[in-house]
C-alpha atoms as a PDB file:
ATOM      1  CA  MET A   1       0.218   0.265  -0.050  1.00  0.00           C
ATOM      2  CA  SER A   2       1.498   3.679  -0.888  1.00  0.00           C
ATOM      3  CA  THR A   3       2.248   5.691   1.061  1.00  0.00           C
ATOM      4  CA  LEU A   4      -0.212   8.384   0.265  1.00  0.00           C
ATOM      5  CA  THR A   5      -3.238   5.083   0.352  1.00  0.00           C
ATOM      6  CA  ASN A   6      -1.914   4.671   3.767  1.00  0.00           C
ATOM      7  CA  ASP A   7      -2.495   8.241   5.264  1.00  0.00           C
ATOM      8  CA  LEU A   8      -5.869   8.211   2.708  1.00  0.00           C
ATOM      9  CA  PHE A   9      -7.047   4.937   5.041  1.00  0.00           C
ATOM     10  CA  LYS A  10      -5.273   5.957   8.450  1.00  0.00           C
ATOM     11  CA  LYS A  11      -7.953   9.201   8.286  1.00  0.00           C
ATOM     12  CA  ALA A  12     -11.204   7.982   6.888  1.00  0.00           C
ATOM     13  CA  LEU A  13     -10.702   5.439  10.216  1.00  0.00           C
ATOM     14  CA  ASP A  14     -11.756   8.641  12.101  1.00  0.00           C
ATOM     15  CA  LEU A  15     -14.884   9.097  10.114  1.00  0.00           C
ATOM     16  CA  ASN A  16     -18.187   8.600  12.363  1.00  0.00           C
ATOM     17  CA  GLU A  17     -19.166   5.112  10.893  1.00  0.00           C
ATOM     18  CA  ASN A  18     -21.937   5.990   8.487  1.00  0.00           C
ATOM     19  CA  ASP A  19     -19.226   8.868   7.148  1.00  0.00           C
ATOM     20  CA  ARG A  20     -16.935   5.674   6.328  1.00  0.00           C
ATOM     21  CA  ALA A  21     -20.113   3.334   4.948  1.00  0.00           C
ATOM     22  CA  THR A  22     -21.075   6.037   2.039  1.00  0.00           C
ATOM     23  CA  LEU A  23     -17.109   6.824   1.090  1.00  0.00           C
ATOM     24  CA  ALA A  24     -16.572   3.312   0.799  1.00  0.00           C
ATOM     25  CA  GLY A  25     -19.481   3.050  -1.259  1.00  0.00           C
ATOM     26  CA  ILE A  26     -19.171   5.993  -2.894  1.00  0.00           C
ATOM     27  CA  LEU A  27     -15.475   4.007  -3.878  1.00  0.00           C
ATOM     28  CA  ILE A  28     -17.024   0.722  -5.335  1.00  0.00           C
ATOM     29  CA  GLU A  29     -19.058   3.138  -7.134  1.00  0.00           C
ATOM     30  CA  SER A  30     -16.589   4.488  -8.729  1.00  0.00           C
ATOM     31  CA  LEU A  31     -14.946   1.335 -10.124  1.00  0.00           C
ATOM     32  CA  GLU A  32     -18.154  -0.134 -11.534  1.00  0.00           C
ATOM     33  CA  GLU A  33     -16.784   0.032 -15.765  1.00  0.00           C
ATOM     34  CA  LYS A  34     -20.064   1.621 -17.301  1.00  0.00           C
ATOM     35  CA  PRO A  35     -23.047   2.719 -15.191  1.00  0.00           C
ATOM     36  CA  ILE A  36     -26.997   1.907 -16.491  1.00  0.00           C
ATOM     37  CA  GLU A  37     -28.317   5.721 -17.715  1.00  0.00           C
ATOM     38  CA  ASP A  38     -31.200   5.827 -16.305  1.00  0.00           C
ATOM     39  CA  VAL A  39     -31.587   2.166 -13.342  1.00  0.00           C
ATOM     40  CA  GLU A  40     -34.704   2.968 -11.544  1.00  0.00           C
ATOM     41  CA  SER A  41     -36.088   2.555 -14.808  1.00  0.00           C
ATOM     42  CA  VAL A  42     -34.897  -0.596 -15.900  1.00  0.00           C
ATOM     43  CA  TRP A  43     -35.228  -2.655 -13.097  1.00  0.00           C
ATOM     44  CA  ARG A  44     -39.236  -0.772 -13.417  1.00  0.00           C
ATOM     45  CA  ALA A  45     -39.726  -2.896 -16.418  1.00  0.00           C
ATOM     46  CA  GLU A  46     -37.950  -5.837 -15.158  1.00  0.00           C
ATOM     47  CA  VAL A  47     -40.388  -5.320 -12.053  1.00  0.00           C
ATOM     48  CA  SER A  48     -42.953  -4.856 -14.202  1.00  0.00           C
ATOM     49  CA  ARG A  49     -41.806  -7.769 -16.589  1.00  0.00           C
ATOM     50  CA  ARG A  50     -41.631 -10.454 -14.192  1.00  0.00           C
ATOM     51  CA  LEU A  51     -45.292  -9.676 -12.532  1.00  0.00           C
ATOM     52  CA  GLN A  52     -47.125  -9.599 -15.459  1.00  0.00           C
ATOM     53  CA  GLU A  53     -45.643 -13.351 -15.782  1.00  0.00           C
ATOM     54  CA  LEU A  54     -46.619 -14.382 -12.597  1.00  0.00           C
ATOM     55  CA  ASP A  55     -50.515 -12.663 -13.142  1.00  0.00           C
ATOM     56  CA  SER A  56     -50.646 -14.849 -16.365  1.00  0.00           C
ATOM     57  CA  GLY A  57     -49.629 -18.213 -14.741  1.00  0.00           C
ATOM     58  CA  GLU A  58     -46.024 -18.302 -16.927  1.00  0.00           C
ATOM     59  CA  VAL A  59     -44.206 -18.531 -14.745  1.00  0.00           C
ATOM     60  CA  GLU A  60     -45.035 -19.469 -10.808  1.00  0.00           C
ATOM     61  CA  ALA A  61     -44.538 -18.496  -7.183  1.00  0.00           C
ATOM     62  CA  ILE A  62     -42.168 -20.769  -4.831  1.00  0.00           C
ATOM     63  CA  SER A  63     -42.507 -20.701  -1.516  1.00  0.00           C
ATOM     64  CA  TRP A  64     -38.907 -19.478   0.451  1.00  0.00           C
ATOM     65  CA  GLU A  65     -40.425 -22.969   2.953  1.00  0.00           C
ATOM     66  CA  ASP A  66     -39.521 -24.771  -0.466  1.00  0.00           C
ATOM     67  CA  VAL A  67     -36.891 -22.999  -1.830  1.00  0.00           C
ATOM     68  CA  LYS A  68     -34.649 -23.669   1.261  1.00  0.00           C
ATOM     69  CA  ALA A  69     -35.878 -27.363   1.351  1.00  0.00           C
ATOM     70  CA  CYS A  70     -34.865 -27.826  -1.919  1.00  0.00           C
ATOM     71  CA  LEU A  71     -30.847 -26.330  -1.093  1.00  0.00           C
ATOM     72  CA  THR A  72     -30.850 -27.860   2.531  1.00  0.00           C
ATOM     73  CA  LYS A  73     -31.341 -31.522  -0.074  1.00  0.00           C
ATOM     74  CA  ARG A  74     -28.789 -30.276  -2.619  1.00  0.00           C
ATOM     75  CA  ASN A  75     -26.663 -29.210   0.732  1.00  0.00           C
ATOM     76  CA  ASN A  76     -27.010 -33.159   2.300  1.00  0.00           C
ATOM     77  CA  GLU A  77     -26.830 -34.588  -1.082  1.00  0.00           C
END
């Protein structure tokens, strides 16, 4: 770790928990390749598509209990 990075890290540790979390989020976001222009509209479209599939009967919802049982069984095999 460079001296500058080490100094920044030490200063970041002096921040309160909320500010450290905010800084961590900003740093992680800075590593993303190319952000989606309008992520909110992309999520809305995805949710709408999934609701339409459920409403039409094209897909069937599975309860968390069934999913958990299936995963537990798979892990025990």
